[in-house]
PDB file of N, CA and C in Angstrom:
ATOM      1  N   MET A   1       5.884   1.661   6.735  1.00  0.00           N
ATOM      2  CA  MET A   1       5.966   2.312   4.971  1.00  0.00           C
ATOM      3  C   MET A   1       6.395   3.870   5.358  1.00  0.00           C
ATOM      4  N   THR A   2       7.543   4.265   5.504  1.00  0.00           N
ATOM      5  CA  THR A   2       7.746   5.477   5.359  1.00  0.00           C
ATOM      6  C   THR A   2       7.555   6.781   4.326  1.00  0.00           C
ATOM      7  N   GLN A   3       7.311   7.745   4.688  1.00  0.00           N
ATOM      8  CA  GLN A   3       6.675   8.734   4.038  1.00  0.00           C
ATOM      9  C   GLN A   3       7.931   8.826   2.478  1.00  0.00           C
ATOM     10  N   GLN A   4       9.113   8.539   2.430  1.00  0.00           N
ATOM     11  CA  GLN A   4       9.780   8.764   1.623  1.00  0.00           C
ATOM     12  C   GLN A   4       9.775   7.558   1.056  1.00  0.00           C
ATOM     13  N   ILE A   5       9.434   6.335   1.350  1.00  0.00           N
ATOM     14  CA  ILE A   5       9.507   5.001   0.517  1.00  0.00           C
ATOM     15  C   ILE A   5       8.034   4.861  -0.163  1.00  0.00           C
ATOM     16  N   ARG A   6       7.004   5.784   0.464  1.00  0.00           N
ATOM     17  CA  ARG A   6       6.034   5.835  -0.317  1.00  0.00           C
ATOM     18  C   ARG A   6       5.646   7.149  -1.617  1.00  0.00           C
ATOM     19  N   VAL A   7       6.611   7.896  -1.420  1.00  0.00           N
ATOM     20  CA  VAL A   7       6.723   9.003  -2.505  1.00  0.00           C
ATOM     21  C   VAL A   7       7.594   8.130  -3.643  1.00  0.00           C
ATOM     22  N   GLY A   8       8.627   7.390  -3.261  1.00  0.00           N
ATOM     23  CA  GLY A   8       9.660   6.774  -4.168  1.00  0.00           C
ATOM     24  C   GLY A   8       8.664   5.610  -4.641  1.00  0.00           C
ATOM     25  N   LEU A   9       7.849   5.343  -4.395  1.00  0.00           N
ATOM     26  CA  LEU A   9       6.943   3.951  -5.117  1.00  0.00           C
ATOM     27  C   LEU A   9       6.049   4.631  -6.006  1.00  0.00           C
ATOM     28  N   LEU A  10       5.683   6.017  -5.585  1.00  0.00           N
ATOM     29  CA  LEU A  10       4.615   6.770  -6.600  1.00  0.00           C
ATOM     30  C   LEU A  10       5.633   7.258  -7.638  1.00  0.00           C
ATOM     31  N   LEU A  11       6.743   7.837  -7.340  1.00  0.00           N
ATOM     32  CA  LEU A  11       7.178   8.062  -8.203  1.00  0.00           C
ATOM     33  C   LEU A  11       7.881   7.009  -9.613  1.00  0.00           C
ATOM     34  N   ALA A  12       8.595   6.003  -8.883  1.00  0.00           N
ATOM     35  CA  ALA A  12       8.890   4.809  -9.702  1.00  0.00           C
ATOM     36  C   ALA A  12       7.439   4.291 -10.383  1.00  0.00           C
ATOM     37  N   SER A  13       6.259   4.432 -10.049  1.00  0.00           N
ATOM     38  CA  SER A  13       4.655   4.106 -10.984  1.00  0.00           C
ATOM     39  C   SER A  13       4.728   5.233 -11.821  1.00  0.00           C
ATOM     40  N   GLY A  14       5.220   6.174 -11.811  1.00  0.00           N
ATOM     41  CA  GLY A  14       5.373   6.848 -12.882  1.00  0.00           C
ATOM     42  C   GLY A  14       4.732   8.587 -12.754  1.00  0.00           C
ATOM     43  N   TYR A  15       4.352   8.708 -11.358  1.00  0.00           N
ATOM     44  CA  TYR A  15       3.702  10.029 -11.031  1.00  0.00           C
ATOM     45  C   TYR A  15       4.477  11.305 -11.226  1.00  0.00           C
ATOM     46  N   THR A  16       4.219  12.460 -11.204  1.00  0.00           N
ATOM     47  CA  THR A  16       5.044  13.650 -11.122  1.00  0.00           C
ATOM     48  C   THR A  16       4.724  14.009  -9.639  1.00  0.00           C
ATOM     49  N   LYS A  17       5.652  14.849  -9.288  1.00  0.00           N
ATOM     50  CA  LYS A  17       5.708  15.221  -7.825  1.00  0.00           C
ATOM     51  C   LYS A  17       4.570  16.087  -7.500  1.00  0.00           C
ATOM     52  N   LYS A  18       4.009  16.755  -8.357  1.00  0.00           N
ATOM     53  CA  LYS A  18       3.163  17.544  -8.215  1.00  0.00           C
ATOM     54  C   LYS A  18       1.576  16.734  -7.886  1.00  0.00           C
ATOM     55  N   GLU A  19       1.231  15.606  -8.554  1.00  0.00           N
ATOM     56  CA  GLU A  19       0.395  14.525  -8.792  1.00  0.00           C
ATOM     57  C   GLU A  19       0.412  14.166  -7.446  1.00  0.00           C
ATOM     58  N   ILE A  20       1.810  13.478  -7.231  1.00  0.00           N
ATOM     59  CA  ILE A  20       1.880  12.824  -5.664  1.00  0.00           C
ATOM     60  C   ILE A  20       1.128  13.636  -4.684  1.00  0.00           C
ATOM     61  N   ALA A  21       1.808  14.992  -4.758  1.00  0.00           N
ATOM     62  CA  ALA A  21       1.149  16.014  -3.626  1.00  0.00           C
ATOM     63  C   ALA A  21      -0.477  15.967  -3.530  1.00  0.00           C
ATOM     64  N   ASN A  22      -1.118  16.154  -4.893  1.00  0.00           N
ATOM     65  CA  ASN A  22      -2.485  16.079  -4.957  1.00  0.00           C
ATOM     66  C   ASN A  22      -3.400  14.864  -4.463  1.00  0.00           C
ATOM     67  N   MET A  23      -2.420  13.819  -4.616  1.00  0.00           N
ATOM     68  CA  MET A  23      -2.713  12.202  -4.285  1.00  0.00           C
ATOM     69  C   MET A  23      -2.803  12.278  -2.802  1.00  0.00           C
ATOM     70  N   THR A  24      -1.817  12.426  -2.065  1.00  0.00           N
ATOM     71  CA  THR A  24      -1.821  12.261  -0.622  1.00  0.00           C
ATOM     72  C   THR A  24      -2.065  13.576   0.047  1.00  0.00           C
ATOM     73  N   GLY A  25      -2.380  14.621  -0.455  1.00  0.00           N
ATOM     74  CA  GLY A  25      -3.125  15.699   0.555  1.00  0.00           C
ATOM     75  C   GLY A  25      -1.746  16.513   1.084  1.00  0.00           C
ATOM     76  N   LYS A  26      -0.408  16.483   0.444  1.00  0.00           N
ATOM     77  CA  LYS A  26       0.408  17.021   1.233  1.00  0.00           C
ATOM     78  C   LYS A  26       0.686  18.321  -0.195  1.00  0.00           C
ATOM     79  N   SER A  27       1.622  18.981   0.509  1.00  0.00           N
ATOM     80  CA  SER A  27       2.126  20.146  -0.169  1.00  0.00           C
ATOM     81  C   SER A  27       3.230  19.646  -1.391  1.00  0.00           C
ATOM     82  N   PHE A  28       3.553  20.347  -2.328  1.00  0.00           N
ATOM     83  CA  PHE A  28       4.536  20.359  -3.576  1.00  0.00           C
ATOM     84  C   PHE A  28       5.755  19.963  -2.701  1.00  0.00           C
ATOM     85  N   HIS A  29       5.931  21.299  -1.962  1.00  0.00           N
ATOM     86  CA  HIS A  29       7.175  21.358  -1.315  1.00  0.00           C
ATOM     87  C   HIS A  29       7.585  20.027  -0.197  1.00  0.00           C
ATOM     88  N   THR A  30       6.516  19.572   0.278  1.00  0.00           N
ATOM     89  CA  THR A  30       6.906  18.480   1.308  1.00  0.00           C
ATOM     90  C   THR A  30       7.246  17.311   0.554  1.00  0.00           C
ATOM     91  N   VAL A  31       6.381  16.983  -0.622  1.00  0.00           N
ATOM     92  CA  VAL A  31       6.967  16.060  -1.746  1.00  0.00           C
ATOM     93  C   VAL A  31       8.143  16.086  -1.819  1.00  0.00           C
ATOM     94  N   ASN A  32       8.345  17.382  -2.379  1.00  0.00           N
ATOM     95  CA  ASN A  32      10.165  17.426  -2.976  1.00  0.00           C
ATOM     96  C   ASN A  32      10.939  17.456  -2.007  1.00  0.00           C
ATOM     97  N   GLN A  33      10.651  17.721  -0.714  1.00  0.00           N
ATOM     98  CA  GLN A  33      11.790  17.386   0.298  1.00  0.00           C
ATOM     99  C   GLN A  33      11.719  15.755   0.535  1.00  0.00           C
ATOM    100  N   GLU A  34      10.643  15.255   0.845  1.00  0.00           N
ATOM    101  CA  GLU A  34      10.727  13.969   0.869  1.00  0.00           C
ATOM    102  C   GLU A  34      11.646  12.878  -0.218  1.00  0.00           C
ATOM    103  N   THR A  35      11.503  13.692  -1.429  1.00  0.00           N
ATOM    104  CA  THR A  35      12.119  13.088  -2.638  1.00  0.00           C
ATOM    105  C   THR A  35      13.558  13.434  -2.201  1.00  0.00           C
ATOM    106  N   ARG A  36      13.912  14.601  -1.785  1.00  0.00           N
ATOM    107  CA  ARG A  36      15.824  14.899  -1.708  1.00  0.00           C
ATOM    108  C   ARG A  36      15.728  13.626  -0.325  1.00  0.00           C
ATOM    109  N   ILE A  37      15.156  13.825   0.290  1.00  0.00           N
ATOM    110  CA  ILE A  37      15.606  12.795   1.401  1.00  0.00           C
ATOM    111  C   ILE A  37      15.883  11.421   0.896  1.00  0.00           C
ATOM    112  N   LEU A  38      14.803  10.714   0.355  1.00  0.00           N
ATOM    113  CA  LEU A  38      14.954   9.336  -0.688  1.00  0.00           C
ATOM    114  C   LEU A  38      16.353   9.757  -1.305  1.00  0.00           C
ATOM    115  N   TYR A  39      16.490  10.596  -2.246  1.00  0.00           N
ATOM    116  CA  TYR A  39      17.544  10.389  -3.002  1.00  0.00           C
ATOM    117  C   TYR A  39      19.018  10.205  -2.269  1.00  0.00           C
ATOM    118  N   GLN A  40      19.020  11.057  -1.245  1.00  0.00           N
ATOM    119  CA  GLN A  40      20.307  10.894  -0.005  1.00  0.00           C
ATOM    120  C   GLN A  40      20.407   9.503   0.544  1.00  0.00           C
ATOM    121  N   LYS A  41      19.437   9.349   1.152  1.00  0.00           N
ATOM    122  CA  LYS A  41      19.202   7.573   1.946  1.00  0.00           C
ATOM    123  C   LYS A  41      19.726   6.953   1.182  1.00  0.00           C
ATOM    124  N   THR A  42      19.413   6.642  -0.209  1.00  0.00           N
ATOM    125  CA  THR A  42      19.733   5.377  -1.335  1.00  0.00           C
ATOM    126  C   THR A  42      20.670   5.738  -2.028  1.00  0.00           C
ATOM    127  N   GLY A  43      21.330   7.355  -1.938  1.00  0.00           N
ATOM    128  CA  GLY A  43      22.373   7.230  -2.873  1.00  0.00           C
ATOM    129  C   GLY A  43      21.767   7.281  -4.168  1.00  0.00           C
ATOM    130  N   ALA A  44      20.307   7.705  -4.673  1.00  0.00           N
ATOM    131  CA  ALA A  44      20.138   7.368  -6.169  1.00  0.00           C
ATOM    132  C   ALA A  44      20.637   8.737  -6.867  1.00  0.00           C
ATOM    133  N   ARG A  45      21.046   8.995  -8.136  1.00  0.00           N
ATOM    134  CA  ARG A  45      21.376   9.785  -8.926  1.00  0.00           C
ATOM    135  C   ARG A  45      20.204  10.378  -9.921  1.00  0.00           C
ATOM    136  N   ASN A  46      19.097   9.503  -9.997  1.00  0.00           N
ATOM    137  CA  ASN A  46      18.258   9.589 -10.905  1.00  0.00           C
ATOM    138  C   ASN A  46      16.845   9.008 -10.547  1.00  0.00           C
ATOM    139  N   LEU A  47      15.817   9.295 -11.391  1.00  0.00           N
ATOM    140  CA  LEU A  47      14.739   8.742 -11.300  1.00  0.00           C
ATOM    141  C   LEU A  47      14.738   6.882 -11.487  1.00  0.00           C
ATOM    142  N   ALA A  48      15.730   6.422 -12.067  1.00  0.00           N
ATOM    143  CA  ALA A  48      16.442   5.219 -12.697  1.00  0.00           C
ATOM    144  C   ALA A  48      16.483   4.511 -11.477  1.00  0.00           C
ATOM    145  N   ASP A  49      17.373   5.190 -10.737  1.00  0.00           N
ATOM    146  CA  ASP A  49      18.080   4.597  -9.733  1.00  0.00           C
ATOM    147  C   ASP A  49      17.101   4.472  -8.297  1.00  0.00           C
ATOM    148  N   ILE A  50      16.362   5.202  -8.299  1.00  0.00           N
ATOM    149  CA  ILE A  50      15.050   5.295  -7.336  1.00  0.00           C
ATOM    150  C   ILE A  50      13.937   3.995  -7.747  1.00  0.00           C
ATOM    151  N   THR A  51      13.827   4.013  -9.127  1.00  0.00           N
ATOM    152  CA  THR A  51      13.078   2.863  -9.982  1.00  0.00           C
ATOM    153  C   THR A  51      13.653   1.651  -9.209  1.00  0.00           C
ATOM    154  N   CYS A  52      14.877   1.421  -9.806  1.00  0.00           N
ATOM    155  CA  CYS A  52      15.360  -0.122  -8.984  1.00  0.00           C
ATOM    156  C   CYS A  52      15.438  -0.396  -7.924  1.00  0.00           C
ATOM    157  N   ASN A  53      15.821   0.922  -6.988  1.00  0.00           N
ATOM    158  CA  ASN A  53      15.380   0.584  -5.481  1.00  0.00           C
ATOM    159  C   ASN A  53      14.452   0.158  -5.156  1.00  0.00           C
ATOM    160  N   MET A  54      13.188   1.004  -5.760  1.00  0.00           N
ATOM    161  CA  MET A  54      11.870   0.535  -5.272  1.00  0.00           C
ATOM    162  C   MET A  54      11.597  -0.628  -5.472  1.00  0.00           C
ATOM    163  N   VAL A  55      11.791  -1.129  -6.704  1.00  0.00           N
ATOM    164  CA  VAL A  55      11.603  -2.647  -7.181  1.00  0.00           C
ATOM    165  C   VAL A  55      12.135  -3.623  -6.173  1.00  0.00           C
ATOM    166  N   SER A  56      13.462  -3.497  -6.233  1.00  0.00           N
ATOM    167  CA  SER A  56      14.009  -4.499  -4.957  1.00  0.00           C
ATOM    168  C   SER A  56      13.624  -4.245  -3.795  1.00  0.00           C
ATOM    169  N   LEU A  57      13.009  -3.158  -3.300  1.00  0.00           N
ATOM    170  CA  LEU A  57      12.595  -3.162  -1.713  1.00  0.00           C
ATOM    171  C   LEU A  57      11.169  -3.964  -1.461  1.00  0.00           C
ATOM    172  N   VAL A  58      10.493  -3.963  -2.783  1.00  0.00           N
ATOM    173  CA  VAL A  58       9.372  -4.601  -2.970  1.00  0.00           C
ATOM    174  C   VAL A  58       9.238  -5.828  -3.141  1.00  0.00           C
ATOM    175  N   SER A  59      10.245  -6.532  -4.201  1.00  0.00           N
ATOM    176  CA  SER A  59      10.139  -7.688  -4.638  1.00  0.00           C
ATOM    177  C   SER A  59      11.346  -8.664  -3.912  1.00  0.00           C
ATOM    178  N   HIS A  60      12.204  -7.760  -3.688  1.00  0.00           N
ATOM    179  CA  HIS A  60      13.640  -8.567  -2.767  1.00  0.00           C
ATOM    180  C   HIS A  60      13.853  -8.975  -3.962  1.00  0.00           C
ATOM    181  N   ILE A  61      14.022  -8.295  -5.235  1.00  0.00           N
ATOM    182  CA  ILE A  61      15.172  -9.144  -6.229  1.00  0.00           C
ATOM    183  C   ILE A  61      16.349  -8.245  -6.346  1.00  0.00           C
ATOM    184  N   PRO A  62      17.446  -8.423  -6.317  1.00  0.00           N
ATOM    185  CA  PRO A  62      18.374  -7.571  -6.780  1.00  0.00           C
ATOM    186  C   PRO A  62      18.300  -6.779  -8.296  1.00  0.00           C
ATOM    187  N   VAL A  63      17.560  -5.936  -8.660  1.00  0.00           N
ATOM    188  CA  VAL A  63      17.251  -5.644  -9.924  1.00  0.00           C
ATOM    189  C   VAL A  63      18.514  -5.058 -10.628  1.00  0.00           C
ATOM    190  N   ARG A  64      19.375  -4.098  -9.887  1.00  0.00           N
ATOM    191  CA  ARG A  64      20.943  -3.617 -10.257  1.00  0.00           C
ATOM    192  C   ARG A  64      21.587  -4.633 -10.792  1.00  0.00           C
ATOM    193  N   SER A  65      21.755  -5.856  -9.841  1.00  0.00           N
ATOM    194  CA  SER A  65      22.541  -7.013 -10.285  1.00  0.00           C
ATOM    195  C   SER A  65      22.112  -7.797 -11.667  1.00  0.00           C
ATOM    196  N   LEU A  66      21.050  -7.831 -11.618  1.00  0.00           N
ATOM    197  CA  LEU A  66      20.166  -8.705 -12.929  1.00  0.00           C
ATOM    198  C   LEU A  66      20.455  -7.668 -13.870  1.00  0.00           C
ATOM    199  N   LEU A  67      20.630  -6.770 -14.192  1.00  0.00           N
ATOM    200  CA  LEU A  67      20.786  -5.759 -15.272  1.00  0.00           C
ATOM    201  C   LEU A  67      22.320  -5.777 -15.347  1.00  0.00           C
ATOM    202  N   THR A  68      23.016  -5.634 -14.353  1.00  0.00           N
ATOM    203  CA  THR A  68      24.377  -5.839 -14.494  1.00  0.00           C
ATOM    204  C   THR A  68      25.049  -6.719 -15.468  1.00  0.00           C
ATOM    205  N   GLU A  69      24.326  -7.962 -15.228  1.00  0.00           N
ATOM    206  CA  GLU A  69      24.628  -9.479 -15.406  1.00  0.00           C
ATOM    207  C   GLU A  69      24.093  -9.388 -16.725  1.00  0.00           C
ATOM    208  N   ALA A  70      23.160  -8.838 -17.240  1.00  0.00           N
ATOM    209  CA  ALA A  70      22.195  -8.658 -18.588  1.00  0.00           C
ATOM    210  C   ALA A  70      23.334  -8.006 -19.371  1.00  0.00           C
ATOM    211  N   LEU A  71      23.829  -7.001 -18.799  1.00  0.00           N
ATOM    212  CA  LEU A  71      24.714  -6.112 -19.801  1.00  0.00           C
ATOM    213  C   LEU A  71      26.106  -6.790 -20.326  1.00  0.00           C
ATOM    214  N   LYS A  72      26.654  -7.980 -19.043  1.00  0.00           N
ATOM    215  CA  LYS A  72      27.849  -8.463 -19.540  1.00  0.00           C
ATOM    216  C   LYS A  72      27.145  -9.953 -20.208  1.00  0.00           C
ATOM    217  N   SER A  73      26.258 -10.216 -20.439  1.00  0.00           N
ATOM    218  CA  SER A  73      26.132 -11.501 -21.787  1.00  0.00           C
ATOM    219  C   SER A  73      25.475 -10.999 -22.870  1.00  0.00           C
ATOM    220  N   ALA A  74      25.241  -9.534 -22.940  1.00  0.00           N
ATOM    221  CA  ALA A  74      24.925  -9.215 -24.144  1.00  0.00           C
ATOM    222  C   ALA A  74      25.716  -8.793 -25.056  1.00  0.00           C
TER     223      ALA A  74
END
């Protein structure tokens, strides 16, 4: 598991960057940089995108597709 994915999973779990830095023993700036890299690699625009990506990565369920279909049928 890459450091960016670990940070992404913690962000998706509701932790702040400062909390993640304290939990992992990294500096806030390192966590912030890893977050920026994650946003770039995944094309995420916000935390909701990161959360969808992390849930899809872990569960292999296409979360974004499911949500799109739910909106179409609503």
